[in-house]
Amino acid sequence: MDPVKALQEIGWSELEARVYVALWESGTDLSGYQVAKAAHIARANVYPVLERLIRRGAVQEYPATEGSRYRAVPFTTIAEAQMAIWSERMANLKEALAKPLTPPRVAVARGVEAGLTHGFRVIQEASRTLDIGASYGSVRPFANALAEARQRGVKERFLCFDRCPPPGCGVCQDPIMVGTGPFRSTGWLLLVRDKEDALIASGTDEKREILLTDLAPIQETVQLLLTLGEDRALQIRPE
């Protein structure tokens, strides 16, 4: 078996393998010049390789007045140390992946009643934050639930989809305006609980469609809209 190729198979570079094997086969300590000559590599290249091998624990350096000398550490010692390191890493990885990853959740519902039921649930389950994208008609049924959430310390931020004229719907507090043109009721509703769980609704009456999801891209998009909107009014929807 070619020891240089064998070392490459476990992740060593070709130069690292050649330098280590040259040192090991010499059976003694060598100067940098002697290592370069034995490994058949340029002297300028040998010192960075020796430094990597020292950090790997495969070579020992012996400083001397006339210049450092280098000796290979027995591979049995290296192998035992590497197996101990990998064993610990594999144990940590096994523990980290012991529980299966939960796939993103996407569910749908339909109708006004379903929209109200799921909307109240999202608001009531919020413990830290509520991000609300509101339309004049769609947010008003949740006015009391939102007020109760604020009383228990939930931080609320609002996007206004309708560009309501003053005094607005009376529910949103310091809303960020989304869209252009005059007021019109879109019927849209967006609720994001604790930056984890989202409800998105559109349409009216029994044609109302509801999406319930924890997809990360939706959460990130809402956060981006709110963050940008805190600095300036957003103009993202044509008339």
Protein backbone atom coordinates (compact mmCIF):
# COMPACT_ATOMS: atom_id res chain seq x y z
CA MET A 1 0.00 0.00 0.00
CA ASP A 2 1.26 3.46 -0.91
CA PRO A 3 1.31 5.41 2.40
CA VAL A 4 1.10 8.77 0.61
CA LYS A 5 -2.12 7.77 -1.16
CA ALA A 6 -3.47 6.17 2.01
CA LEU A 7 -2.99 9.41 3.95
CA GLN A 8 -4.71 11.36 1.17
CA GLU A 9 -7.69 9.02 1.45
CA ILE A 10 -8.21 10.13 5.07
CA GLY A 11 -8.11 13.82 4.21
CA TRP A 12 -4.44 14.80 4.11
CA SER A 13 -3.16 16.88 1.20
CA GLU A 14 -0.56 15.32 -1.10
CA LEU A 15 2.20 17.61 0.22
CA GLU A 16 1.30 16.86 3.84
CA ALA A 17 1.42 13.14 3.11
CA ARG A 18 4.73 13.34 1.26
CA VAL A 19 6.41 15.41 3.98
CA TYR A 20 5.14 13.18 6.78
CA VAL A 21 6.20 9.97 5.03
CA ALA A 22 9.63 11.41 4.23
CA LEU A 23 10.14 12.35 7.89
CA TRP A 24 8.86 8.99 9.13
CA GLU A 25 11.05 6.99 6.77
CA SER A 26 14.13 8.99 7.79
CA GLY A 27 13.82 7.64 11.34
CA THR A 28 15.36 10.79 12.80
CA ASP A 29 14.87 14.53 13.04
CA LEU A 30 15.61 16.63 9.96
CA SER A 31 16.10 20.29 9.12
CA GLY A 32 13.65 22.03 6.85
CA TYR A 33 16.12 21.78 3.98
CA GLN A 34 16.56 18.05 4.56
CA VAL A 35 12.78 17.52 4.71
CA ALA A 36 12.30 19.36 1.42
CA LYS A 37 15.02 17.29 -0.22
CA ALA A 38 13.66 13.99 1.12
CA ALA A 39 10.08 14.82 0.10
CA HIS A 40 11.15 16.19 -3.30
CA ILE A 41 9.41 19.54 -2.88
CA ALA A 42 10.66 23.13 -3.04
CA ARG A 43 12.22 24.39 0.17
CA ALA A 44 9.98 27.48 0.12
CA ASN A 45 6.92 25.20 0.18
CA VAL A 46 8.03 22.86 2.93
CA TYR A 47 7.66 25.23 5.90
CA PRO A 48 3.91 25.94 5.49
CA VAL A 49 3.36 22.18 5.15
CA LEU A 50 5.41 21.47 8.27
CA GLU A 51 3.39 24.09 10.16
CA ARG A 52 0.13 22.38 9.18
CA LEU A 53 1.49 19.01 10.27
CA ILE A 54 2.62 20.48 13.60
CA ARG A 55 -0.90 21.84 14.14
CA ARG A 56 -2.30 18.43 13.19
CA GLY A 57 -0.09 16.82 15.84
CA ALA A 58 1.73 14.74 13.24
CA VAL A 59 5.13 16.45 13.50
CA GLN A 60 7.15 17.79 16.41
CA GLU A 61 9.43 20.81 16.06
CA TYR A 62 12.72 21.06 17.98
CA PRO A 63 14.01 24.67 17.99
CA ALA A 64 17.78 25.02 17.81
CA THR A 65 20.29 27.82 17.37
CA GLU A 66 21.19 26.68 13.87
CA GLY A 67 17.52 26.27 12.91
CA SER A 68 14.57 24.10 13.86
CA ARG A 69 14.56 20.37 13.27
CA TYR A 70 11.49 18.20 12.75
CA ARG A 71 10.50 14.65 13.68
CA ALA A 72 7.44 12.61 12.69
CA VAL A 73 5.07 11.52 15.46
CA PRO A 74 4.34 7.75 15.24
CA PHE A 75 1.20 7.22 13.20
CA THR A 76 -0.28 4.93 15.86
CA THR A 77 -0.36 7.95 18.18
CA ILE A 78 -1.92 10.12 15.47
CA ALA A 79 -4.52 7.47 14.63
CA GLU A 80 -5.59 7.00 18.24
CA ALA A 81 -5.98 10.75 18.73
CA GLN A 82 -7.90 11.18 15.46
CA MET A 83 -10.24 8.28 16.26
CA ALA A 84 -10.96 9.80 19.68
CA ILE A 85 -11.70 13.18 18.10
CA TRP A 86 -13.95 11.68 15.43
CA SER A 87 -15.70 9.49 17.96
CA GLU A 88 -16.59 12.57 20.02
CA ARG A 89 -17.72 14.48 16.93
CA MET A 90 -19.89 11.59 15.76
CA ALA A 91 -21.43 11.28 19.23
CA ASN A 92 -22.27 15.00 19.22
CA LEU A 93 -23.73 14.74 15.72
CA LYS A 94 -25.75 11.67 16.66
CA GLU A 95 -27.22 13.55 19.62
CA ALA A 96 -27.96 16.64 17.53
CA LEU A 97 -29.79 14.59 14.90
CA ALA A 98 -31.53 12.22 17.29
CA LYS A 99 -34.86 13.96 16.75
CA PRO A 100 -36.21 14.03 13.19
CA LEU A 101 -36.44 17.43 11.56
CA THR A 102 -39.99 18.75 11.40
CA PRO A 103 -41.01 19.58 7.81
CA PRO A 104 -42.61 22.97 7.13
CA ARG A 105 -46.35 23.04 7.75
CA VAL A 106 -48.76 24.27 5.09
CA ALA A 107 -52.52 23.94 5.63
CA VAL A 108 -55.55 25.56 3.99
CA ALA A 109 -59.02 26.51 5.16
CA ARG A 110 -62.01 28.28 3.61
CA GLY A 111 -64.81 30.58 4.68
CA VAL A 112 -65.34 33.50 7.03
CA GLU A 113 -65.91 31.35 10.12
CA ALA A 114 -62.69 29.41 9.56
CA GLY A 115 -60.80 32.67 9.12
CA LEU A 116 -62.12 34.00 12.43
CA THR A 117 -61.43 30.75 14.29
CA HIS A 118 -57.84 30.44 13.10
CA GLY A 119 -57.22 34.18 13.48
CA PHE A 120 -58.28 34.17 17.13
CA ARG A 121 -56.12 31.09 17.75
CA VAL A 122 -53.00 32.74 16.30
CA ILE A 123 -53.54 35.89 18.37
CA GLN A 124 -54.31 34.01 21.60
CA GLU A 125 -51.23 31.77 21.24
CA ALA A 126 -48.85 34.70 20.73
CA SER A 127 -46.42 35.08 23.62
CA ARG A 128 -43.83 37.57 22.30
CA THR A 129 -44.75 39.27 19.02
CA LEU A 130 -47.62 39.71 16.59
CA ASP A 131 -47.01 41.12 13.12
CA ILE A 132 -50.30 42.11 11.51
CA GLY A 133 -51.00 42.95 7.89
CA ALA A 134 -54.43 44.53 8.11
CA SER A 135 -57.33 45.47 5.89
CA TYR A 136 -60.13 47.68 7.20
CA GLY A 137 -62.76 44.97 7.08
CA SER A 138 -60.63 41.97 7.99
CA VAL A 139 -58.90 43.24 11.14
CA ARG A 140 -61.82 44.84 12.99
CA PRO A 141 -63.27 41.53 14.34
CA PHE A 142 -59.94 40.96 16.12
CA ALA A 143 -59.77 44.36 17.84
CA ASN A 144 -60.50 43.05 21.35
CA ALA A 145 -58.20 40.03 20.95
CA LEU A 146 -55.34 42.30 19.82
CA ALA A 147 -55.94 44.64 22.77
CA GLU A 148 -55.81 41.67 25.16
CA ALA A 149 -52.54 40.51 23.55
CA ARG A 150 -51.00 43.94 24.17
CA GLN A 151 -52.11 43.80 27.80
CA ARG A 152 -50.21 40.54 28.31
CA GLY A 153 -47.05 42.09 26.86
CA VAL A 154 -47.16 40.98 23.23
CA LYS A 155 -45.41 43.47 20.94
CA GLU A 156 -47.54 44.32 17.89
CA ARG A 157 -46.52 45.85 14.56
CA PHE A 158 -48.95 46.72 11.77
CA LEU A 159 -48.94 46.89 7.99
CA CYS A 160 -51.95 48.66 6.43
CA PHE A 161 -52.95 47.11 3.11
CA ASP A 162 -55.79 49.59 2.41
CA ARG A 163 -54.13 52.99 3.01
CA CYS A 164 -57.01 53.90 5.30
CA PRO A 165 -57.62 57.66 5.55
CA PRO A 166 -57.44 59.21 9.04
CA PRO A 167 -58.53 58.21 11.61
CA GLY A 168 -58.26 54.74 10.05
CA CYS A 169 -60.03 51.64 11.29
CA GLY A 170 -59.17 52.34 14.92
CA VAL A 171 -57.46 48.98 15.35
CA CYS A 172 -54.00 49.44 13.83
CA GLN A 173 -51.45 51.36 15.86
CA ASP A 174 -48.87 53.39 13.89
CA PRO A 175 -49.35 51.23 10.78
CA ILE A 176 -46.85 51.09 7.93
CA MET A 177 -48.68 51.89 4.68
CA VAL A 178 -48.33 49.30 1.93
CA GLY A 179 -49.54 50.14 -1.56
CA THR A 180 -50.34 53.22 -3.61
CA GLY A 181 -53.43 55.09 -4.63
CA PRO A 182 -56.60 55.93 -2.70
CA PHE A 183 -58.24 53.89 0.03
CA ARG A 184 -59.87 50.64 -0.99
CA SER A 185 -60.75 47.66 1.16
CA THR A 186 -58.77 44.63 0.01
CA GLY A 187 -60.05 42.20 2.60
CA TRP A 188 -56.53 40.87 3.09
CA LEU A 189 -55.30 39.69 6.47
CA LEU A 190 -51.87 38.59 7.63
CA LEU A 191 -51.06 37.43 11.17
CA VAL A 192 -47.58 36.23 12.16
CA ARG A 193 -47.21 34.86 15.70
CA ASP A 194 -43.82 35.00 17.43
CA LYS A 195 -42.11 35.01 14.00
CA GLU A 196 -43.03 31.32 13.71
CA ASP A 197 -46.65 30.79 12.69
CA ALA A 198 -48.49 32.68 9.93
CA LEU A 199 -52.08 33.07 8.79
CA ILE A 200 -52.75 34.62 5.38
CA ALA A 201 -56.31 35.30 4.21
CA SER A 202 -57.89 36.87 1.13
CA GLY A 203 -61.30 37.01 -0.48
CA THR A 204 -64.68 37.73 1.07
CA ASP A 205 -67.57 35.77 2.55
CA GLU A 206 -67.58 32.06 1.72
CA LYS A 207 -64.97 32.61 -1.00
CA ARG A 208 -62.44 33.55 1.68
CA GLU A 209 -59.26 31.46 1.39
CA ILE A 210 -56.93 30.93 4.36
CA LEU A 211 -53.36 29.66 4.37
CA LEU A 212 -51.75 28.49 7.62
CA THR A 213 -48.00 27.94 7.51
CA ASP A 214 -44.65 28.14 9.29
CA LEU A 215 -42.63 28.42 6.06
CA ALA A 216 -39.49 30.46 6.79
CA PRO A 217 -39.56 32.54 3.55
CA ILE A 218 -42.95 34.00 4.52
CA GLN A 219 -41.72 34.91 8.00
CA GLU A 220 -38.57 36.51 6.57
CA THR A 221 -40.51 38.50 3.96
CA VAL A 222 -42.83 39.95 6.59
CA GLN A 223 -39.88 40.88 8.79
CA LEU A 224 -38.21 42.60 5.84
CA LEU A 225 -41.34 44.63 5.03
CA LEU A 226 -41.72 45.76 8.62
CA THR A 227 -38.05 46.56 9.10
CA LEU A 228 -37.86 48.63 5.93
CA GLY A 229 -41.19 50.24 6.65
CA GLU A 230 -40.03 51.51 10.01
CA ASP A 231 -37.71 53.87 8.11
CA ARG A 232 -39.94 54.90 5.23
CA ALA A 233 -43.38 54.27 3.74
CA LEU A 234 -43.36 51.36 1.32
CA GLN A 235 -44.76 51.70 -2.17
CA ILE A 236 -44.90 48.14 -3.46
CA ARG A 237 -48.32 47.63 -5.07
CA PRO A 238 -49.54 49.43 -8.19
CA GLU A 239 -53.02 50.92 -8.30
